[in-house]
Amino acid sequence: MPSFTLPRTARLTRITRTHKVATAVLVAAGATTALAVTAEPGTAQAASAHAPAAVKPVSANGMPAAVHAKGDAPKAEHPAIETVAAQLKVKEAPKQAHTAKQAANRSTERKAEPTRYANNLDGWIRQSLDIMKAKGIPGSYEGLHRNIMRESSGNPNAVNDWDINAINGIPSKGLLQVIQPTFDTYHVAGTANNLTDPVANITAAANYAADRYGSIDNVNSAY
């Protein structure tokens, strides 16, 4: 049988009768298109779906507009909140300054606390040395201790009742065996006005020795 080719119109007609074509177009936020084609009557087969194309915003002058990432949107200004915050800072500043001043005062008070000395020969010598240093009276721990041990063996209540001073009614007393007239002349202000007070006795004797011998360190016998 001789072959022949159907005209184009006939082919299209035959395809139309044999196949059902369904097309749906959806437009949302630019252009989203979905196409569904049924190849054979009664058989549904999904066509490939195309994801929506990204649409870039354009500014009025035709240039791409800046896009803010999520969470980076410009923060809205709140003048009222900023004003209140500023007022709170102003109110808190004096309180903070006051607190800092109180802390500084407490620190100064702690530093100003008097040094505690032991109530024994070592403590008496150390306290006397601090007073002597403040008053400009020369002397060392060794010089004081050496003379104290020779004169009284470290007894603040020691009294010499046999020498010439005792005979004259003014016995030597205390750690460094000082007579009352000498104590009265060389008494160091700020110490007890008591001849047998350990610190008062030491400082008065050191003051006398500094005046007569240059320093208690230069005394090596009865003075």
N, C-alpha and C. Protein backbone atom coordinates (compact mmCIF):
# COMPACT_ATOMS: atom_id res chain seq x y z
N MET A 1 0.87 -1.18 0.00
CA MET A 1 0.00 0.00 0.00
C MET A 1 0.90 1.22 0.00
N PRO A 2 0.59 2.17 -0.78
CA PRO A 2 1.43 3.39 -0.83
C PRO A 2 1.30 4.19 0.45
N SER A 3 2.46 4.69 0.97
CA SER A 3 2.45 5.51 2.21
C SER A 3 2.19 6.96 1.88
N PHE A 4 1.58 7.62 2.85
CA PHE A 4 1.35 9.05 2.64
C PHE A 4 1.42 9.75 4.00
N THR A 5 1.67 11.02 3.94
CA THR A 5 1.83 11.85 5.15
C THR A 5 0.64 12.77 5.29
N LEU A 6 0.07 12.74 6.53
CA LEU A 6 -1.08 13.61 6.80
C LEU A 6 -0.63 15.06 6.83
N PRO A 7 -1.52 15.86 6.35
CA PRO A 7 -1.21 17.30 6.43
C PRO A 7 -1.03 17.71 7.90
N ARG A 8 -0.32 18.83 8.18
CA ARG A 8 -0.04 19.33 9.53
C ARG A 8 -1.32 19.54 10.29
N THR A 9 -2.34 20.05 9.65
CA THR A 9 -3.61 20.31 10.32
C THR A 9 -4.23 19.04 10.78
N ALA A 10 -4.15 18.00 9.99
CA ALA A 10 -4.75 16.71 10.35
C ALA A 10 -4.03 16.11 11.52
N ARG A 11 -2.65 16.24 11.51
CA ARG A 11 -1.90 15.68 12.63
C ARG A 11 -2.27 16.34 13.93
N LEU A 12 -2.41 17.66 13.91
CA LEU A 12 -2.76 18.40 15.13
C LEU A 12 -4.14 18.00 15.61
N THR A 13 -5.03 17.76 14.63
CA THR A 13 -6.40 17.37 15.00
C THR A 13 -6.38 16.01 15.65
N ARG A 14 -5.57 15.09 15.08
CA ARG A 14 -5.51 13.75 15.63
C ARG A 14 -4.91 13.76 17.03
N ILE A 15 -3.86 14.59 17.25
CA ILE A 15 -3.24 14.69 18.57
C ILE A 15 -4.22 15.25 19.57
N THR A 16 -5.02 16.19 19.08
CA THR A 16 -5.99 16.81 19.99
C THR A 16 -7.03 15.81 20.42
N ARG A 17 -7.42 14.94 19.50
CA ARG A 17 -8.42 13.94 19.85
C ARG A 17 -7.82 12.83 20.73
N THR A 18 -6.55 12.54 20.57
CA THR A 18 -5.96 11.42 21.30
C THR A 18 -5.47 11.83 22.69
N HIS A 19 -5.03 13.00 22.80
CA HIS A 19 -4.46 13.46 24.09
C HIS A 19 -5.25 14.62 24.65
N LYS A 20 -5.38 14.57 25.91
CA LYS A 20 -6.01 15.71 26.62
C LYS A 20 -4.89 16.50 27.30
N VAL A 21 -4.87 17.76 27.05
CA VAL A 21 -3.81 18.62 27.62
C VAL A 21 -4.46 19.62 28.58
N ALA A 22 -3.95 19.63 29.78
CA ALA A 22 -4.47 20.60 30.77
C ALA A 22 -3.32 21.50 31.23
N THR A 23 -3.51 22.75 31.19
CA THR A 23 -2.47 23.72 31.59
C THR A 23 -3.04 24.69 32.63
N ALA A 24 -2.33 24.84 33.70
CA ALA A 24 -2.79 25.80 34.72
C ALA A 24 -1.67 26.78 35.01
N VAL A 25 -2.02 28.02 35.03
CA VAL A 25 -1.01 29.06 35.28
C VAL A 25 -1.38 29.82 36.56
N LEU A 26 -0.48 29.83 37.49
CA LEU A 26 -0.72 30.57 38.76
C LEU A 26 0.30 31.69 38.86
N VAL A 27 -0.15 32.86 39.21
CA VAL A 27 0.76 34.00 39.33
C VAL A 27 0.74 34.48 40.79
N ALA A 28 1.90 34.46 41.44
CA ALA A 28 1.96 34.96 42.82
C ALA A 28 3.37 35.44 43.10
N ALA A 29 3.51 36.69 43.56
CA ALA A 29 4.81 37.31 43.90
C ALA A 29 5.78 37.23 42.77
N GLY A 30 5.38 37.62 41.60
CA GLY A 30 6.24 37.57 40.42
C GLY A 30 5.63 36.67 39.40
N ALA A 31 6.18 35.44 39.22
CA ALA A 31 5.64 34.50 38.25
C ALA A 31 5.91 33.10 38.73
N THR A 32 4.84 32.32 39.01
CA THR A 32 4.96 30.91 39.38
C THR A 32 4.11 30.11 38.42
N THR A 33 4.71 29.17 37.75
CA THR A 33 3.98 28.43 36.71
C THR A 33 4.03 26.94 37.00
N ALA A 34 2.90 26.31 36.89
CA ALA A 34 2.85 24.84 37.03
C ALA A 34 2.15 24.28 35.81
N LEU A 35 2.70 23.23 35.27
CA LEU A 35 2.13 22.61 34.06
C LEU A 35 1.87 21.15 34.34
N ALA A 36 0.65 20.73 34.11
CA ALA A 36 0.30 19.32 34.29
C ALA A 36 -0.18 18.77 32.95
N VAL A 37 0.39 17.67 32.51
CA VAL A 37 0.05 17.07 31.22
C VAL A 37 -0.37 15.61 31.42
N THR A 38 -1.46 15.25 30.82
CA THR A 38 -1.91 13.85 30.87
C THR A 38 -1.53 13.17 29.56
N ALA A 39 -0.64 12.18 29.63
CA ALA A 39 -0.16 11.54 28.41
C ALA A 39 -1.20 10.65 27.78
N GLU A 40 -1.95 9.90 28.55
CA GLU A 40 -2.97 9.00 28.03
C GLU A 40 -4.25 9.27 28.79
N PRO A 41 -5.39 9.09 28.17
CA PRO A 41 -6.66 9.28 28.86
C PRO A 41 -6.72 8.40 30.08
N GLY A 42 -7.15 8.97 31.23
CA GLY A 42 -7.32 8.21 32.47
C GLY A 42 -6.05 8.03 33.26
N THR A 43 -4.90 8.52 32.79
CA THR A 43 -3.62 8.37 33.51
C THR A 43 -3.07 9.74 33.83
N ALA A 44 -2.96 10.00 35.16
CA ALA A 44 -2.46 11.33 35.59
C ALA A 44 -0.99 11.20 35.94
N GLN A 45 -0.19 12.06 35.39
CA GLN A 45 1.26 12.02 35.65
C GLN A 45 1.74 13.45 35.88
N ALA A 46 2.33 13.66 37.03
CA ALA A 46 2.76 15.04 37.38
C ALA A 46 3.94 15.46 36.54
N ALA A 47 3.85 16.64 36.06
CA ALA A 47 4.96 17.22 35.30
C ALA A 47 5.95 17.85 36.28
N SER A 48 7.08 18.15 35.77
CA SER A 48 8.09 18.77 36.65
C SER A 48 7.62 20.12 37.12
N ALA A 49 7.86 20.37 38.39
CA ALA A 49 7.45 21.65 38.99
C ALA A 49 8.64 22.59 39.04
N HIS A 50 8.33 23.80 38.76
CA HIS A 50 9.40 24.81 38.75
C HIS A 50 9.27 25.71 39.97
N ALA A 51 10.39 25.91 40.72
CA ALA A 51 10.37 26.77 41.91
C ALA A 51 10.21 28.21 41.48
N PRO A 52 9.58 29.03 42.31
CA PRO A 52 9.39 30.44 41.95
C PRO A 52 10.73 31.15 41.83
N ALA A 53 10.82 31.99 40.85
CA ALA A 53 12.05 32.73 40.62
C ALA A 53 12.16 33.84 41.64
N ALA A 54 13.40 34.07 42.13
CA ALA A 54 13.60 35.13 43.11
C ALA A 54 13.49 36.48 42.45
N VAL A 55 12.78 37.36 43.09
CA VAL A 55 12.57 38.69 42.52
C VAL A 55 13.35 39.68 43.35
N LYS A 56 14.28 40.40 42.76
CA LYS A 56 15.11 41.37 43.48
C LYS A 56 14.43 42.73 43.45
N PRO A 57 14.30 43.39 44.60
CA PRO A 57 13.67 44.71 44.62
C PRO A 57 14.53 45.72 43.89
N VAL A 58 13.87 46.63 43.25
CA VAL A 58 14.56 47.65 42.48
C VAL A 58 14.12 49.01 42.99
N SER A 59 15.07 49.92 43.14
CA SER A 59 14.75 51.25 43.64
C SER A 59 14.18 52.10 42.52
N ALA A 60 13.78 53.32 42.86
CA ALA A 60 13.14 54.20 41.88
C ALA A 60 14.07 54.57 40.74
N ASN A 61 15.40 54.60 40.99
CA ASN A 61 16.32 54.98 39.92
C ASN A 61 16.79 53.81 39.09
N GLY A 62 16.20 52.63 39.36
CA GLY A 62 16.52 51.47 38.55
C GLY A 62 17.66 50.64 39.08
N MET A 63 18.28 51.09 40.16
CA MET A 63 19.39 50.35 40.76
C MET A 63 18.84 49.35 41.77
N PRO A 64 19.55 48.24 41.99
CA PRO A 64 19.08 47.25 42.99
C PRO A 64 19.00 47.89 44.36
N ALA A 65 17.89 47.65 45.04
CA ALA A 65 17.71 48.21 46.37
C ALA A 65 18.38 47.33 47.40
N ALA A 66 18.85 47.95 48.51
CA ALA A 66 19.50 47.18 49.57
C ALA A 66 18.50 46.27 50.24
N VAL A 67 18.95 45.06 50.51
CA VAL A 67 18.07 44.07 51.14
C VAL A 67 18.62 43.76 52.52
N HIS A 68 17.80 43.90 53.53
CA HIS A 68 18.23 43.63 54.90
C HIS A 68 17.97 42.17 55.23
N ALA A 69 18.99 41.53 55.82
CA ALA A 69 18.80 40.15 56.25
C ALA A 69 17.84 40.11 57.41
N LYS A 70 17.23 38.95 57.60
CA LYS A 70 16.26 38.79 58.67
C LYS A 70 16.94 39.05 60.00
N GLY A 71 16.33 39.88 60.76
CA GLY A 71 16.89 40.22 62.05
C GLY A 71 17.77 41.46 62.00
N ASP A 72 18.10 41.96 60.78
CA ASP A 72 18.94 43.14 60.64
C ASP A 72 18.15 44.38 60.28
N ALA A 73 16.83 44.30 60.35
CA ALA A 73 16.01 45.44 59.98
C ALA A 73 16.33 46.61 60.89
N PRO A 74 16.30 47.83 60.37
CA PRO A 74 16.60 49.01 61.17
C PRO A 74 15.72 49.04 62.41
N LYS A 75 16.35 49.27 63.54
CA LYS A 75 15.60 49.33 64.78
C LYS A 75 14.82 50.64 64.88
N ALA A 76 13.61 50.49 65.34
CA ALA A 76 12.78 51.67 65.49
C ALA A 76 13.27 52.49 66.66
N GLU A 77 13.35 53.78 66.51
CA GLU A 77 13.81 54.65 67.57
C GLU A 77 12.68 54.90 68.55
N HIS A 78 13.06 54.94 69.85
CA HIS A 78 12.07 55.20 70.89
C HIS A 78 12.57 56.37 71.73
N PRO A 79 12.29 57.59 71.34
CA PRO A 79 12.78 58.77 72.06
C PRO A 79 12.41 58.74 73.53
N ALA A 80 11.20 58.28 73.84
CA ALA A 80 10.74 58.28 75.23
C ALA A 80 11.61 57.36 76.08
N ILE A 81 11.90 56.15 75.56
CA ILE A 81 12.71 55.19 76.30
C ILE A 81 14.13 55.72 76.49
N GLU A 82 14.68 56.32 75.41
CA GLU A 82 16.03 56.87 75.50
C GLU A 82 16.09 58.00 76.52
N THR A 83 15.05 58.80 76.60
CA THR A 83 15.01 59.91 77.55
C THR A 83 14.99 59.38 78.98
N VAL A 84 14.18 58.36 79.23
CA VAL A 84 14.09 57.77 80.57
C VAL A 84 15.42 57.16 80.97
N ALA A 85 16.07 56.47 80.02
CA ALA A 85 17.36 55.85 80.30
C ALA A 85 18.40 56.91 80.67
N ALA A 86 18.37 58.02 79.94
CA ALA A 86 19.32 59.11 80.22
C ALA A 86 19.07 59.68 81.61
N GLN A 87 17.80 59.83 81.98
CA GLN A 87 17.46 60.36 83.30
C GLN A 87 17.92 59.42 84.40
N LEU A 88 17.77 58.11 84.16
CA LEU A 88 18.21 57.14 85.16
C LEU A 88 19.72 57.20 85.36
N LYS A 89 20.45 57.38 84.26
CA LYS A 89 21.91 57.48 84.36
C LYS A 89 22.31 58.70 85.19
N VAL A 90 21.59 59.82 84.96
CA VAL A 90 21.89 61.05 85.70
C VAL A 90 21.63 60.85 87.19
N LYS A 91 20.53 60.13 87.52
CA LYS A 91 20.19 59.89 88.92
C LYS A 91 21.17 58.92 89.58
N GLU A 92 21.67 57.94 88.80
CA GLU A 92 22.55 56.92 89.36
C GLU A 92 23.97 57.45 89.58
N ALA A 93 24.38 58.46 88.79
CA ALA A 93 25.75 58.95 88.89
C ALA A 93 26.12 59.42 90.29
N PRO A 94 25.28 60.26 90.97
CA PRO A 94 25.63 60.69 92.33
C PRO A 94 25.71 59.51 93.30
N LYS A 95 24.81 58.53 93.15
CA LYS A 95 24.82 57.37 94.04
C LYS A 95 26.13 56.60 93.88
N GLN A 96 26.56 56.41 92.62
CA GLN A 96 27.79 55.68 92.37
C GLN A 96 28.99 56.43 92.94
N ALA A 97 28.97 57.77 92.79
CA ALA A 97 30.06 58.57 93.33
C ALA A 97 30.09 58.48 94.85
N HIS A 98 28.90 58.50 95.47
CA HIS A 98 28.81 58.41 96.93
C HIS A 98 29.33 57.05 97.41
N THR A 99 28.95 56.00 96.70
CA THR A 99 29.40 54.65 97.07
C THR A 99 30.93 54.54 96.96
N ALA A 100 31.48 55.11 95.88
CA ALA A 100 32.94 55.07 95.69
C ALA A 100 33.64 55.84 96.81
N LYS A 101 33.04 56.99 97.21
CA LYS A 101 33.63 57.80 98.28
C LYS A 101 33.63 57.04 99.60
N GLN A 102 32.50 56.35 99.88
CA GLN A 102 32.42 55.57 101.12
C GLN A 102 33.48 54.47 101.14
N ALA A 103 33.65 53.80 99.99
CA ALA A 103 34.66 52.73 99.90
C ALA A 103 36.05 53.29 100.14
N ALA A 104 36.32 54.48 99.58
CA ALA A 104 37.63 55.11 99.76
C ALA A 104 37.85 55.48 101.23
N ASN A 105 36.78 55.98 101.88
CA ASN A 105 36.88 56.35 103.29
C ASN A 105 37.16 55.13 104.16
N ARG A 106 36.47 54.01 103.84
CA ARG A 106 36.70 52.79 104.61
C ARG A 106 38.13 52.30 104.44
N SER A 107 38.65 52.44 103.20
CA SER A 107 40.02 52.02 102.93
C SER A 107 41.00 52.88 103.72
N THR A 108 40.72 54.21 103.78
CA THR A 108 41.59 55.12 104.52
C THR A 108 41.55 54.81 106.01
N GLU A 109 40.35 54.50 106.51
CA GLU A 109 40.21 54.18 107.93
C GLU A 109 41.00 52.92 108.28
N ARG A 110 40.94 51.93 107.37
CA ARG A 110 41.70 50.70 107.63
C ARG A 110 43.19 50.98 107.66
N LYS A 111 43.65 51.85 106.74
CA LYS A 111 45.07 52.17 106.70
C LYS A 111 45.47 52.98 107.93
N ALA A 112 44.55 53.78 108.47
CA ALA A 112 44.86 54.65 109.59
C ALA A 112 44.81 53.93 110.94
N GLU A 113 44.41 52.68 110.95
CA GLU A 113 44.35 51.93 112.20
C GLU A 113 45.74 51.86 112.83
N PRO A 114 45.84 52.11 114.13
CA PRO A 114 47.15 52.09 114.79
C PRO A 114 47.76 50.70 114.80
N THR A 115 49.09 50.68 114.73
CA THR A 115 49.80 49.42 114.78
C THR A 115 49.67 48.80 116.17
N ARG A 116 49.43 47.53 116.21
CA ARG A 116 49.33 46.83 117.49
C ARG A 116 50.70 46.27 117.88
N TYR A 117 51.07 46.53 119.11
CA TYR A 117 52.36 46.06 119.61
C TYR A 117 52.13 45.06 120.75
N ALA A 118 53.00 44.08 120.81
CA ALA A 118 52.91 43.10 121.89
C ALA A 118 53.26 43.76 123.23
N ASN A 119 52.58 43.32 124.28
CA ASN A 119 52.84 43.88 125.61
C ASN A 119 53.98 43.12 126.27
N ASN A 120 55.16 43.23 125.66
CA ASN A 120 56.37 42.61 126.20
C ASN A 120 57.57 43.45 125.77
N LEU A 121 58.74 43.02 126.14
CA LEU A 121 59.93 43.83 125.85
C LEU A 121 60.08 44.11 124.36
N ASP A 122 59.86 43.09 123.53
CA ASP A 122 59.98 43.28 122.09
C ASP A 122 58.98 44.33 121.60
N GLY A 123 57.74 44.23 122.06
CA GLY A 123 56.72 45.19 121.65
C GLY A 123 57.03 46.60 122.14
N TRP A 124 57.55 46.74 123.35
CA TRP A 124 57.87 48.06 123.89
C TRP A 124 59.01 48.72 123.09
N ILE A 125 60.00 47.91 122.76
CA ILE A 125 61.12 48.45 121.97
C ILE A 125 60.64 48.89 120.59
N ARG A 126 59.84 48.05 119.95
CA ARG A 126 59.37 48.38 118.60
C ARG A 126 58.48 49.62 118.60
N GLN A 127 57.61 49.72 119.57
CA GLN A 127 56.76 50.91 119.66
C GLN A 127 57.60 52.16 119.91
N SER A 128 58.61 52.02 120.79
CA SER A 128 59.50 53.16 121.08
C SER A 128 60.27 53.60 119.84
N LEU A 129 60.71 52.62 119.04
CA LEU A 129 61.45 52.94 117.82
C LEU A 129 60.58 53.71 116.84
N ASP A 130 59.30 53.34 116.73
CA ASP A 130 58.40 54.06 115.83
C ASP A 130 58.20 55.50 116.31
N ILE A 131 58.07 55.69 117.60
CA ILE A 131 57.91 57.04 118.14
C ILE A 131 59.20 57.84 117.94
N MET A 132 60.33 57.21 118.22
CA MET A 132 61.62 57.87 118.03
C MET A 132 61.83 58.29 116.58
N LYS A 133 61.42 57.43 115.66
CA LYS A 133 61.57 57.75 114.24
C LYS A 133 60.71 58.96 113.89
N ALA A 134 59.48 58.99 114.40
CA ALA A 134 58.58 60.12 114.12
C ALA A 134 59.12 61.42 114.73
N LYS A 135 59.82 61.32 115.85
CA LYS A 135 60.33 62.51 116.55
C LYS A 135 61.78 62.87 116.16
N GLY A 136 62.37 62.04 115.32
CA GLY A 136 63.74 62.32 114.89
C GLY A 136 64.79 61.97 115.92
N ILE A 137 64.49 61.01 116.80
CA ILE A 137 65.43 60.58 117.83
C ILE A 137 66.18 59.35 117.32
N PRO A 138 67.51 59.39 117.25
CA PRO A 138 68.27 58.25 116.73
C PRO A 138 68.28 57.07 117.70
N GLY A 139 68.55 55.88 117.15
CA GLY A 139 68.63 54.68 117.97
C GLY A 139 68.19 53.47 117.18
N SER A 140 68.68 52.31 117.60
CA SER A 140 68.35 51.07 116.92
C SER A 140 67.81 50.06 117.92
N TYR A 141 67.23 49.00 117.38
CA TYR A 141 66.70 47.94 118.24
C TYR A 141 67.83 47.36 119.08
N GLU A 142 68.96 47.12 118.43
CA GLU A 142 70.10 46.50 119.13
C GLU A 142 70.60 47.41 120.27
N GLY A 143 70.71 48.71 119.97
CA GLY A 143 71.21 49.64 120.99
C GLY A 143 70.28 49.71 122.19
N LEU A 144 68.97 49.76 121.95
CA LEU A 144 68.00 49.82 123.05
C LEU A 144 68.02 48.52 123.85
N HIS A 145 67.95 47.39 123.14
CA HIS A 145 67.88 46.11 123.83
C HIS A 145 69.14 45.85 124.67
N ARG A 146 70.29 46.18 124.14
CA ARG A 146 71.56 45.97 124.85
C ARG A 146 71.61 46.76 126.16
N ASN A 147 71.21 48.01 126.10
CA ASN A 147 71.26 48.85 127.30
C ASN A 147 70.17 48.49 128.30
N ILE A 148 69.03 48.07 127.81
CA ILE A 148 67.94 47.66 128.71
C ILE A 148 68.35 46.42 129.51
N MET A 149 68.95 45.47 128.84
CA MET A 149 69.33 44.22 129.52
C MET A 149 70.43 44.50 130.56
N ARG A 150 71.31 45.46 130.30
CA ARG A 150 72.35 45.80 131.28
C ARG A 150 71.76 46.55 132.47
N GLU A 151 70.84 47.45 132.23
CA GLU A 151 70.32 48.32 133.28
C GLU A 151 69.24 47.67 134.14
N SER A 152 68.34 46.87 133.54
CA SER A 152 67.20 46.35 134.31
C SER A 152 66.86 44.90 134.04
N SER A 153 67.58 44.27 133.14
CA SER A 153 67.29 42.88 132.73
C SER A 153 65.89 42.76 132.13
N GLY A 154 65.34 43.87 131.62
CA GLY A 154 64.04 43.84 130.96
C GLY A 154 62.85 43.99 131.90
N ASN A 155 63.11 44.40 133.17
CA ASN A 155 62.04 44.58 134.14
C ASN A 155 61.63 46.06 134.19
N PRO A 156 60.40 46.38 133.75
CA PRO A 156 59.99 47.78 133.73
C PRO A 156 59.77 48.39 135.12
N ASN A 157 59.70 47.56 136.14
CA ASN A 157 59.49 48.05 137.50
C ASN A 157 60.77 48.03 138.36
N ALA A 158 61.89 47.82 137.68
CA ALA A 158 63.16 47.77 138.41
C ALA A 158 63.47 49.13 139.04
N VAL A 159 63.99 49.10 140.30
CA VAL A 159 64.34 50.33 141.02
C VAL A 159 65.73 50.15 141.66
N ASN A 160 66.60 51.13 141.43
CA ASN A 160 67.94 51.10 142.05
C ASN A 160 67.85 51.89 143.37
N ASP A 161 67.99 51.16 144.48
CA ASP A 161 67.84 51.81 145.78
C ASP A 161 69.14 51.90 146.57
N TRP A 162 70.29 51.85 145.88
CA TRP A 162 71.54 51.87 146.61
C TRP A 162 72.57 52.88 146.08
N ASP A 163 72.40 53.37 144.80
CA ASP A 163 73.42 54.29 144.27
C ASP A 163 73.24 55.72 144.81
N ILE A 164 74.03 56.63 144.28
CA ILE A 164 74.01 58.00 144.75
C ILE A 164 72.66 58.67 144.53
N ASN A 165 72.01 58.29 143.43
CA ASN A 165 70.69 58.88 143.15
C ASN A 165 69.68 58.43 144.20
N ALA A 166 69.76 57.19 144.58
CA ALA A 166 68.86 56.67 145.61
C ALA A 166 69.12 57.37 146.94
N ILE A 167 70.42 57.59 147.24
CA ILE A 167 70.79 58.27 148.46
C ILE A 167 70.24 59.69 148.47
N ASN A 168 70.23 60.30 147.28
CA ASN A 168 69.72 61.68 147.15
C ASN A 168 68.19 61.73 147.04
N GLY A 169 67.55 60.55 147.08
CA GLY A 169 66.08 60.50 147.08
C GLY A 169 65.44 60.50 145.70
N ILE A 170 66.29 60.33 144.70
CA ILE A 170 65.73 60.27 143.33
C ILE A 170 66.26 59.00 142.65
N PRO A 171 65.81 57.83 143.10
CA PRO A 171 66.33 56.56 142.57
C PRO A 171 66.05 56.39 141.08
N SER A 172 66.91 55.67 140.42
CA SER A 172 66.73 55.33 139.00
C SER A 172 65.65 54.26 138.90
N LYS A 173 64.78 54.40 137.92
CA LYS A 173 63.67 53.45 137.77
C LYS A 173 63.47 53.07 136.30
N GLY A 174 62.81 51.94 136.13
CA GLY A 174 62.37 51.52 134.80
C GLY A 174 63.38 50.75 134.00
N LEU A 175 63.00 50.49 132.74
CA LEU A 175 63.83 49.66 131.86
C LEU A 175 65.22 50.21 131.65
N LEU A 176 65.34 51.53 131.51
CA LEU A 176 66.65 52.14 131.26
C LEU A 176 67.12 52.97 132.46
N GLN A 177 66.56 52.69 133.65
CA GLN A 177 67.01 53.31 134.91
C GLN A 177 67.18 54.83 134.77
N VAL A 178 66.04 55.49 134.62
CA VAL A 178 66.01 56.94 134.46
C VAL A 178 65.55 57.57 135.78
N ILE A 179 66.17 58.67 136.17
CA ILE A 179 65.73 59.39 137.38
C ILE A 179 64.64 60.39 136.99
N GLN A 180 63.83 60.79 137.94
CA GLN A 180 62.67 61.64 137.65
C GLN A 180 63.05 62.96 136.99
N PRO A 181 64.05 63.69 137.47
CA PRO A 181 64.39 64.97 136.81
C PRO A 181 64.76 64.79 135.34
N THR A 182 65.50 63.71 135.01
CA THR A 182 65.87 63.46 133.62
C THR A 182 64.63 63.12 132.80
N PHE A 183 63.77 62.33 133.39
CA PHE A 183 62.53 61.97 132.68
C PHE A 183 61.69 63.22 132.38
N ASP A 184 61.58 64.11 133.36
CA ASP A 184 60.77 65.32 133.17
C ASP A 184 61.36 66.21 132.07
N THR A 185 62.67 66.26 131.98
CA THR A 185 63.34 67.12 130.99
C THR A 185 63.25 66.53 129.59
N TYR A 186 63.39 65.22 129.47
CA TYR A 186 63.45 64.59 128.15
C TYR A 186 62.21 63.75 127.79
N HIS A 187 61.17 63.93 128.53
CA HIS A 187 59.92 63.20 128.23
C HIS A 187 59.48 63.50 126.80
N VAL A 188 59.08 62.47 126.09
CA VAL A 188 58.65 62.62 124.69
C VAL A 188 57.13 62.77 124.65
N ALA A 189 56.68 63.84 124.04
CA ALA A 189 55.25 64.11 123.93
C ALA A 189 54.53 62.97 123.23
N GLY A 190 53.36 62.61 123.76
CA GLY A 190 52.59 61.52 123.18
C GLY A 190 52.73 60.24 123.95
N THR A 191 53.73 60.17 124.82
CA THR A 191 53.89 58.98 125.66
C THR A 191 53.34 59.27 127.06
N ALA A 192 53.17 58.21 127.83
CA ALA A 192 52.61 58.38 129.18
C ALA A 192 53.54 59.21 130.06
N ASN A 193 52.94 60.03 130.89
CA ASN A 193 53.74 60.85 131.80
C ASN A 193 53.99 60.07 133.10
N ASN A 194 54.63 58.90 132.91
CA ASN A 194 54.86 57.99 134.03
C ASN A 194 56.25 57.39 133.87
N LEU A 195 57.11 57.64 134.84
CA LEU A 195 58.50 57.22 134.74
C LEU A 195 58.67 55.74 134.48
N THR A 196 57.83 54.91 135.06
CA THR A 196 58.00 53.45 134.90
C THR A 196 57.20 52.88 133.72
N ASP A 197 56.48 53.73 132.97
CA ASP A 197 55.82 53.22 131.76
C ASP A 197 56.91 52.79 130.79
N PRO A 198 56.85 51.54 130.28
CA PRO A 198 57.94 51.03 129.44
C PRO A 198 58.30 51.93 128.26
N VAL A 199 57.32 52.32 127.48
CA VAL A 199 57.60 53.12 126.28
C VAL A 199 58.04 54.53 126.64
N ALA A 200 57.40 55.12 127.64
CA ALA A 200 57.78 56.47 128.06
C ALA A 200 59.21 56.47 128.60
N ASN A 201 59.58 55.43 129.34
CA ASN A 201 60.92 55.32 129.92
C ASN A 201 61.97 55.17 128.83
N ILE A 202 61.69 54.29 127.85
CA ILE A 202 62.65 54.05 126.76
C ILE A 202 62.87 55.30 125.94
N THR A 203 61.79 55.94 125.52
CA THR A 203 61.91 57.10 124.64
C THR A 203 62.59 58.28 125.34
N ALA A 204 62.29 58.47 126.62
CA ALA A 204 62.92 59.57 127.36
C ALA A 204 64.42 59.32 127.50
N ALA A 205 64.78 58.06 127.81
CA ALA A 205 66.20 57.71 127.95
C ALA A 205 66.93 57.86 126.62
N ALA A 206 66.28 57.43 125.52
CA ALA A 206 66.89 57.55 124.19
C ALA A 206 67.05 59.02 123.80
N ASN A 207 66.08 59.84 124.20
CA ASN A 207 66.15 61.27 123.91
C ASN A 207 67.30 61.92 124.68
N TYR A 208 67.45 61.53 125.93
CA TYR A 208 68.57 62.03 126.77
C TYR A 208 69.90 61.59 126.19
N ALA A 209 70.01 60.28 125.81
CA ALA A 209 71.27 59.75 125.28
C ALA A 209 71.63 60.42 123.95
N ALA A 210 70.63 60.72 123.14
CA ALA A 210 70.89 61.39 121.85
C ALA A 210 71.46 62.78 122.10
N ASP A 211 70.95 63.45 123.14
CA ASP A 211 71.41 64.81 123.44
C ASP A 211 72.84 64.80 124.02
N ARG A 212 73.16 63.78 124.81
CA ARG A 212 74.47 63.76 125.48
C ARG A 212 75.51 62.93 124.75
N TYR A 213 75.10 61.85 124.10
CA TYR A 213 76.08 60.93 123.47
C TYR A 213 75.89 60.80 121.95
N GLY A 214 74.89 61.41 121.42
CA GLY A 214 74.63 61.33 119.98
C GLY A 214 73.61 60.25 119.62
N SER A 215 73.54 59.17 120.43
CA SER A 215 72.58 58.09 120.21
C SER A 215 72.71 57.09 121.34
N ILE A 216 71.60 56.44 121.65
CA ILE A 216 71.62 55.38 122.65
C ILE A 216 72.53 54.25 122.21
N ASP A 217 72.77 54.15 120.91
CA ASP A 217 73.66 53.10 120.39
C ASP A 217 75.11 53.32 120.85
N ASN A 218 75.44 54.55 121.22
CA ASN A 218 76.82 54.87 121.64
C ASN A 218 77.04 54.65 123.14
N VAL A 219 75.97 54.26 123.84
CA VAL A 219 76.08 54.03 125.29
C VAL A 219 76.39 52.56 125.55
N ASN A 220 77.47 52.32 126.31
CA ASN A 220 77.86 50.94 126.60
C ASN A 220 78.10 50.69 128.08
N SER A 221 77.73 51.67 128.90
CA SER A 221 77.87 51.49 130.33
C SER A 221 76.90 52.46 131.03
N ALA A 222 77.03 52.57 132.33
CA ALA A 222 76.15 53.48 133.05
C ALA A 222 76.26 54.89 132.45
N TYR A 223 75.16 55.54 132.33
CA TYR A 223 75.19 56.87 131.67
C TYR A 223 74.47 57.90 132.51
